[in-house]
């Protein structure tokens, strides 16, 4: 097993109430009359009361094009990424020079060199650190990133690895697109970053400074890719940037597939859903969360940490499930020996499952 030594989430300093963002977006979109009523209804039903944005609200309407928006993405993502990784390393009690692998993920901007390369020298990573940027996984990448780091640590049990997720969703909202997908996205997605420090089994056994025994361990993972669902979620890339693809079929895909996939995964480890003491789910939105509750046959309290995260910061794409994990460890303090399941869905369309267990 690999061990999660620390999970830390960070958000930008610019915070706005949902109603304030709605009014500003309606103005730039030119939404009036019935169009404005639809926009306001969608935003009010998003389950979000406030969001943190990469830029001051008025700055968005001054961005000339995709290139300028992407320049801002690189600037802010580098700052947030460095902060998230430094905060997680400090919480884990390990230094930047101890990191053997850093995996980064983002889907809301383009950066070459990638974000983890841009922060490496700033935060003091070694010059022989292994880097793996993950691109294209979208909302599922927080869970998938934990799973892929776990895979690496199984073969490198003495190593320390970091997963970094940075998502600045606000920079992708289209100002000339009145499609339902863009209107929903403009009310649902926020900005933020998260970092996870994970250590291999032998490194954890040495119990270096700060490697607490009360952090969860990754027991197993599973990936699931659904056929003929490529248009359920993703981006169309054009001259004005990244236009969201968000199909109405997503909640139905959750209802149809998640229960069976979870049951098969748990069954392979001699477990059932009744054995899971805590659930860490990606906050895809109210309809997706309701479908998740139906699929898992759990009540709202089982996903209450996810609902609270959605309300407080919105959907942060890949970073969201990591924020939920951090909140779960802080607020719910899972019992010793208890089982947890981390899960997220995203473009593909796909599902990622991570089985977690607290130390006895």
Protein backbone atom coordinates (compact mmCIF):
# COMPACT_ATOMS: atom_id res chain seq x y z
CA UNK A 1 0.00 0.00 0.00
CA UNK A 2 0.99 3.60 -0.49
CA UNK A 3 0.27 6.21 2.18
CA UNK A 4 -1.27 9.66 1.88
CA UNK A 5 0.99 11.78 4.07
CA UNK A 6 -0.85 15.09 3.48
CA UNK A 7 -3.61 16.64 1.37
CA UNK A 8 -3.92 20.41 1.06
CA UNK A 9 -6.26 22.58 -0.98
CA UNK A 10 -5.79 26.27 -1.83
CA UNK A 11 -7.98 28.85 -3.59
CA UNK A 12 -7.34 32.31 -5.08
CA UNK A 13 -7.94 35.38 -2.96
CA UNK A 14 -10.71 36.86 -5.13
CA UNK A 15 -14.02 35.69 -3.63
CA UNK A 16 -17.48 36.52 -4.95
CA UNK A 17 -21.03 35.62 -4.01
CA UNK A 18 -22.84 33.61 -6.67
CA UNK A 19 -25.37 36.40 -7.29
CA UNK A 20 -22.56 38.87 -7.99
CA UNK A 21 -21.00 36.57 -10.59
CA UNK A 22 -24.41 35.94 -12.15
CA UNK A 23 -25.09 39.65 -12.58
CA UNK A 24 -21.66 40.31 -14.07
CA UNK A 25 -21.91 37.43 -16.55
CA UNK A 26 -25.43 38.43 -17.58
CA UNK A 27 -24.12 41.89 -18.39
CA UNK A 28 -21.23 40.73 -20.56
CA UNK A 29 -23.38 38.12 -22.29
CA UNK A 30 -26.07 40.70 -22.96
CA UNK A 31 -28.70 38.45 -21.39
CA UNK A 32 -32.00 40.24 -20.90
CA UNK A 33 -35.64 39.28 -20.44
CA UNK A 34 -36.29 35.54 -20.59
CA UNK A 35 -32.63 34.81 -21.35
CA UNK A 36 -31.59 36.45 -18.10
CA UNK A 37 -34.28 34.57 -16.21
CA UNK A 38 -32.88 31.26 -17.53
CA UNK A 39 -29.33 32.26 -16.59
CA UNK A 40 -30.35 33.30 -13.09
CA UNK A 41 -32.29 30.08 -12.58
CA UNK A 42 -29.37 27.92 -13.68
CA UNK A 43 -26.95 29.74 -11.41
CA UNK A 44 -29.35 29.66 -8.46
CA UNK A 45 -29.80 25.88 -8.88
CA UNK A 46 -26.07 25.12 -9.16
CA UNK A 47 -25.72 24.43 -5.44
CA UNK A 48 -23.03 27.12 -5.18
CA UNK A 49 -23.18 30.13 -2.84
CA UNK A 50 -19.74 31.60 -3.57
CA UNK A 51 -16.66 31.02 -5.67
CA UNK A 52 -12.99 31.98 -5.71
CA UNK A 53 -11.74 33.34 -9.03
CA UNK A 54 -8.25 33.59 -10.49
CA UNK A 55 -8.73 37.26 -11.38
CA UNK A 56 -10.76 40.20 -10.10
CA UNK A 57 -14.21 39.92 -11.67
CA UNK A 58 -13.88 43.04 -13.80
CA UNK A 59 -10.59 41.81 -15.30
CA UNK A 60 -12.26 38.97 -17.24
CA UNK A 61 -14.09 41.29 -19.61
CA UNK A 62 -10.78 43.01 -20.45
CA UNK A 63 -9.09 39.83 -21.75
CA UNK A 64 -8.61 40.31 -25.47
CA UNK A 65 -8.41 36.70 -26.62
CA UNK A 66 -7.51 33.11 -25.79
CA UNK A 67 -3.79 33.93 -25.74
CA UNK A 68 -4.18 36.63 -23.12
CA UNK A 69 -6.46 34.42 -21.02
CA UNK A 70 -3.90 31.60 -21.22
CA UNK A 71 -1.09 33.94 -20.16
CA UNK A 72 -3.12 34.70 -17.04
CA UNK A 73 -3.68 30.98 -16.56
CA UNK A 74 0.07 30.32 -16.53
CA UNK A 75 0.76 33.20 -14.15
CA UNK A 76 -1.90 32.34 -11.58
CA UNK A 77 -1.56 28.55 -11.91
CA UNK A 78 2.17 28.80 -11.18
CA UNK A 79 1.53 30.86 -8.06
CA UNK A 80 -1.28 28.62 -6.77
CA UNK A 81 0.62 25.45 -7.65
CA UNK A 82 3.73 26.50 -5.76
CA UNK A 83 1.60 27.43 -2.75
CA UNK A 84 -0.31 24.14 -2.77
CA UNK A 85 2.79 21.94 -3.03
CA UNK A 86 4.73 23.90 -0.39
CA UNK A 87 1.77 23.73 1.99
CA UNK A 88 1.33 19.97 1.48
CA UNK A 89 5.03 19.23 1.94
CA UNK A 90 5.09 21.23 5.16
CA UNK A 91 2.03 19.35 6.44
CA UNK A 92 3.68 16.02 5.59
CA UNK A 93 6.91 16.98 7.34
CA UNK A 94 9.06 16.40 4.28
CA UNK A 95 11.12 18.86 2.25
CA UNK A 96 11.11 19.66 -1.46
CA UNK A 97 14.45 17.87 -1.83
CA UNK A 98 12.80 14.65 -0.62
CA UNK A 99 10.41 14.53 -3.59
CA UNK A 100 11.26 11.85 -6.13
CA UNK A 101 8.22 12.23 -8.43
CA UNK A 102 5.78 15.04 -9.13
CA UNK A 103 2.64 14.46 -11.18
CA UNK A 104 0.64 17.48 -12.28
CA UNK A 105 -2.78 17.76 -13.84
CA UNK A 106 -4.83 20.55 -15.36
CA UNK A 107 -7.39 20.86 -18.12
CA UNK A 108 -8.19 24.58 -18.01
CA UNK A 109 -5.10 26.01 -19.69
CA UNK A 110 -2.04 25.14 -21.73
CA UNK A 111 1.49 25.43 -20.39
CA UNK A 112 4.69 24.17 -21.99
CA UNK A 113 6.84 23.81 -19.93
CA UNK A 114 4.12 22.37 -17.71
CA UNK A 115 3.16 23.84 -14.36
CA UNK A 116 5.23 21.47 -12.20
CA UNK A 117 8.33 22.37 -14.22
CA UNK A 118 7.68 26.08 -13.72
CA UNK A 119 7.47 25.73 -9.93
CA UNK A 120 10.28 23.19 -9.48
CA UNK A 121 13.11 25.68 -9.02
CA UNK A 122 10.96 28.12 -7.08
CA UNK A 123 10.04 25.65 -4.35
CA UNK A 124 13.34 23.73 -4.33
CA UNK A 125 12.64 20.41 -6.04
CA UNK A 126 15.75 18.42 -7.01
CA UNK A 127 17.05 18.72 -10.54
CA UNK A 128 16.59 14.95 -10.99
CA UNK A 129 12.94 14.92 -9.89
CA UNK A 130 10.75 12.82 -12.20
CA UNK A 131 7.89 14.79 -13.78
CA UNK A 132 4.64 13.43 -15.24
CA UNK A 133 2.12 15.98 -16.55
CA UNK A 134 -1.38 14.50 -17.03
CA UNK A 135 -3.51 16.25 -19.65
CA UNK A 136 -7.04 15.54 -20.86
CA UNK A 137 -8.52 13.79 -17.83
CA UNK A 138 -10.56 16.75 -16.63
CA UNK A 139 -12.73 16.25 -13.54
CA UNK A 140 -11.59 12.66 -13.01
CA UNK A 141 -7.91 13.59 -12.79
CA UNK A 142 -7.78 14.17 -9.03
CA UNK A 143 -8.81 10.57 -8.37
CA UNK A 144 -6.87 9.22 -11.35
CA UNK A 145 -3.78 11.13 -10.24
CA UNK A 146 -3.88 9.53 -6.80
CA UNK A 147 -4.29 6.14 -8.49
CA UNK A 148 -1.36 6.64 -10.86
CA UNK A 149 0.93 7.90 -8.09
CA UNK A 150 -0.06 4.79 -6.12
CA UNK A 151 0.93 2.63 -9.09
CA UNK A 152 4.34 4.30 -9.15
CA UNK A 153 4.90 3.89 -5.41
CA UNK A 154 4.13 0.17 -5.56
CA UNK A 155 7.30 -0.16 -7.61
CA UNK A 156 9.23 2.51 -5.68
CA UNK A 157 8.35 1.88 -2.01
CA UNK A 158 11.12 4.13 -0.67
CA UNK A 159 10.00 7.20 -2.63
CA UNK A 160 8.08 10.37 -1.91
CA UNK A 161 5.66 11.56 -4.61
CA UNK A 162 3.47 14.63 -5.06
CA UNK A 163 0.28 15.07 -7.03
CA UNK A 164 -0.53 18.67 -8.02
CA UNK A 165 -3.84 19.76 -9.50
CA UNK A 166 -4.44 23.33 -10.66
CA UNK A 167 -7.69 24.34 -12.35
CA UNK A 168 -8.72 27.89 -13.31
CA UNK A 169 -12.11 27.15 -14.79
CA UNK A 170 -13.21 30.79 -14.88
CA UNK A 171 -10.70 31.53 -17.64
CA UNK A 172 -12.49 29.11 -19.97
CA UNK A 173 -16.00 30.61 -19.76
CA UNK A 174 -17.02 31.91 -23.20
CA UNK A 175 -18.39 35.45 -23.38
CA UNK A 176 -20.30 34.97 -26.63
CA UNK A 177 -21.82 31.54 -26.02
CA UNK A 178 -25.43 31.32 -24.81
CA UNK A 179 -25.50 27.51 -25.07
CA UNK A 180 -26.93 25.61 -22.13
CA UNK A 181 -23.54 24.00 -21.45
CA UNK A 182 -21.76 27.35 -21.19
CA UNK A 183 -24.50 28.84 -19.03
CA UNK A 184 -24.35 25.88 -16.65
CA UNK A 185 -20.55 26.00 -16.53
CA UNK A 186 -20.56 29.73 -15.81
CA UNK A 187 -22.56 29.06 -12.64
CA UNK A 188 -20.92 25.83 -11.48
CA UNK A 189 -17.15 25.93 -11.87
CA UNK A 190 -14.65 27.76 -9.67
CA UNK A 191 -10.88 28.08 -9.40
CA UNK A 192 -8.41 26.38 -7.09
CA UNK A 193 -5.56 23.96 -6.62
CA UNK A 194 -4.66 21.02 -4.43
CA UNK A 195 -1.60 18.93 -3.67
CA UNK A 196 -1.24 15.44 -2.22
CA UNK A 197 1.97 14.04 -0.73
CA UNK A 198 2.16 10.25 -0.95
CA UNK A 199 4.89 7.92 0.24
CA UNK A 200 5.76 4.32 -0.50
CA UNK A 201 5.28 1.53 2.01
CA UNK A 202 8.91 1.28 3.12
CA UNK A 203 9.24 5.06 3.42
CA UNK A 204 6.08 5.16 5.55
CA UNK A 205 7.35 2.31 7.73
CA UNK A 206 10.42 4.41 8.57
CA UNK A 207 7.99 7.01 10.01
CA UNK A 208 9.97 10.06 9.01
CA UNK A 209 9.14 13.41 10.63
CA UNK A 210 5.50 14.34 10.19
CA UNK A 211 4.39 11.06 8.61
CA UNK A 212 1.41 10.53 10.87
CA UNK A 213 -0.06 7.09 11.41
CA UNK A 214 -3.61 8.47 11.17
CA UNK A 215 -3.49 9.21 7.44
CA UNK A 216 -5.26 6.92 4.94
CA UNK A 217 -3.55 4.29 2.85
CA UNK A 218 -4.36 3.45 -0.76
CA UNK A 219 -5.30 -0.22 -0.92
CA UNK A 220 -6.37 -0.57 -4.55
CA UNK A 221 -7.62 1.37 -7.57
CA UNK A 222 -9.76 0.77 -10.63
CA UNK A 223 -10.39 2.63 -13.89
CA UNK A 224 -13.51 2.30 -16.01
CA UNK A 225 -13.95 3.71 -19.51
CA UNK A 226 -17.44 3.71 -21.06
CA UNK A 227 -17.79 3.05 -24.78
CA UNK A 228 -19.28 5.62 -27.16
CA UNK A 229 -19.47 8.42 -24.58
CA UNK A 230 -16.78 10.75 -25.90
CA UNK A 231 -19.22 13.64 -26.34
CA UNK A 232 -20.61 13.45 -22.81
CA UNK A 233 -17.97 15.81 -21.44
CA UNK A 234 -14.88 17.64 -22.63
CA UNK A 235 -13.74 20.64 -24.63
CA UNK A 236 -14.11 21.86 -28.19
CA UNK A 237 -10.96 23.87 -28.92
CA UNK A 238 -11.43 26.92 -31.13
CA UNK A 239 -10.17 30.40 -31.84
CA UNK A 240 -11.71 31.79 -28.65
CA UNK A 241 -10.37 29.02 -26.44
CA UNK A 242 -11.92 26.05 -24.71
CA UNK A 243 -15.69 25.63 -25.21
CA UNK A 244 -17.19 23.21 -22.77
CA UNK A 245 -18.95 20.03 -23.84
CA UNK A 246 -21.37 19.02 -21.09
CA UNK A 247 -23.99 16.49 -22.08
CA UNK A 248 -27.35 16.12 -20.37
CA UNK A 249 -26.73 12.36 -20.23
CA UNK A 250 -24.08 12.59 -17.48
CA UNK A 251 -26.45 11.95 -14.51
CA UNK A 252 -27.94 8.97 -16.36
CA UNK A 253 -24.45 7.57 -16.97
CA UNK A 254 -23.87 7.78 -13.21
CA UNK A 255 -27.17 6.04 -12.39
CA UNK A 256 -26.61 3.32 -14.98
CA UNK A 257 -23.00 2.44 -14.25
CA UNK A 258 -21.67 3.49 -10.87
CA UNK A 259 -23.43 0.96 -8.61
CA UNK A 260 -22.31 -2.07 -10.60
CA UNK A 261 -18.76 -0.79 -11.03
CA UNK A 262 -18.41 0.01 -7.34
CA UNK A 263 -19.89 -3.34 -6.27
CA UNK A 264 -17.56 -5.31 -8.55
CA UNK A 265 -14.52 -3.35 -7.37
CA UNK A 266 -15.37 -3.78 -3.70
CA UNK A 267 -16.32 -7.42 -4.20
CA UNK A 268 -12.86 -8.17 -5.55
CA UNK A 269 -11.55 -7.12 -2.13
CA UNK A 270 -14.15 -8.97 -0.07
CA UNK A 271 -16.13 -5.81 0.66
CA UNK A 272 -19.59 -4.37 0.03
CA UNK A 273 -20.90 -0.81 0.06
CA UNK A 274 -22.01 -1.41 3.66
CA UNK A 275 -18.33 -1.69 4.63
CA UNK A 276 -17.52 1.82 3.40
CA UNK A 277 -17.47 4.22 6.32
CA UNK A 278 -16.73 7.41 4.37
CA UNK A 279 -17.24 8.50 0.77
CA UNK A 280 -15.09 11.06 -1.04
CA UNK A 281 -16.94 12.05 -4.21
CA UNK A 282 -16.27 14.69 -6.83
CA UNK A 283 -18.87 17.53 -6.67
CA UNK A 284 -20.00 17.36 -10.28
CA UNK A 285 -23.14 19.40 -9.59
CA UNK A 286 -26.51 18.84 -7.87
CA UNK A 287 -27.96 16.51 -10.51
CA UNK A 288 -24.79 14.44 -10.63
CA UNK A 289 -24.59 14.20 -6.83
CA UNK A 290 -28.23 13.18 -6.58
CA UNK A 291 -27.59 10.50 -9.21
CA UNK A 292 -24.52 9.38 -7.24
CA UNK A 293 -26.57 9.04 -4.05
CA UNK A 294 -29.17 7.02 -5.95
CA UNK A 295 -26.54 4.78 -7.52
CA UNK A 296 -24.73 4.14 -4.23
CA UNK A 297 -28.00 3.86 -2.29
CA UNK A 298 -26.80 6.30 0.37
CA UNK A 299 -28.48 9.30 1.97
CA UNK A 300 -27.36 12.91 1.64
CA UNK A 301 -25.30 12.76 4.83
CA UNK A 302 -22.94 10.23 3.24
CA UNK A 303 -21.90 12.90 0.70
CA UNK A 304 -22.39 15.93 2.95
CA UNK A 305 -18.71 16.94 2.75
CA UNK A 306 -18.99 16.97 -1.05
CA UNK A 307 -22.19 19.04 -0.94
CA UNK A 308 -20.53 21.55 1.39
CA UNK A 309 -17.51 21.84 -0.88
CA UNK A 310 -19.77 22.51 -3.87
CA UNK A 311 -21.57 25.23 -1.94
CA UNK A 312 -18.41 26.89 -0.63
CA UNK A 313 -16.07 26.82 -3.66
CA UNK A 314 -17.97 25.30 -6.60
CA UNK A 315 -16.73 22.54 -8.88
CA UNK A 316 -12.94 22.87 -9.29
CA UNK A 317 -12.64 20.13 -11.91
CA UNK A 318 -9.74 17.81 -10.99
CA UNK A 319 -8.88 19.69 -7.78
CA UNK A 320 -12.35 19.31 -6.26
CA UNK A 321 -12.19 15.69 -5.10
CA UNK A 322 -8.85 16.46 -3.44
CA UNK A 323 -10.43 19.39 -1.57
CA UNK A 324 -13.20 17.00 -0.49
CA UNK A 325 -10.58 14.50 0.69
CA UNK A 326 -8.79 17.19 2.71
CA UNK A 327 -12.11 18.33 4.21
CA UNK A 328 -13.04 14.74 5.07
CA UNK A 329 -9.79 14.12 6.92
CA UNK A 330 -10.14 17.40 8.82
CA UNK A 331 -13.88 17.47 9.57
CA UNK A 332 -14.96 13.84 9.71
CA UNK A 333 -11.80 12.24 11.14
CA UNK A 334 -12.49 8.70 9.89
CA UNK A 335 -12.18 6.00 12.54
CA UNK A 336 -9.11 3.81 12.80
CA UNK A 337 -9.37 0.81 10.50
CA UNK A 338 -12.33 2.24 8.55
CA UNK A 339 -12.70 1.92 4.80
CA UNK A 340 -13.20 4.86 2.45
CA UNK A 341 -13.87 5.15 -1.26
CA UNK A 342 -12.68 8.09 -3.36
CA UNK A 343 -14.40 8.37 -6.73
CA UNK A 344 -14.70 10.80 -9.62
CA UNK A 345 -15.97 10.80 -13.19
CA UNK A 346 -14.81 12.81 -16.17
CA UNK A 347 -14.19 13.03 -19.93
CA UNK A 348 -13.93 9.75 -21.68
CA UNK A 349 -16.57 9.24 -20.23
CA UNK A 350 -14.92 7.45 -17.34
CA UNK A 351 -14.88 6.55 -13.66
CA UNK A 352 -11.93 6.26 -11.29
CA UNK A 353 -12.17 4.42 -7.97
CA UNK A 354 -9.62 4.53 -5.14
CA UNK A 355 -10.07 2.25 -2.11
CA UNK A 356 -8.69 3.82 1.06
CA UNK A 357 -8.23 2.52 4.60
CA UNK A 358 -7.24 4.15 7.85
CA UNK A 359 -4.55 2.45 9.89
CA UNK A 360 -5.76 0.21 12.73
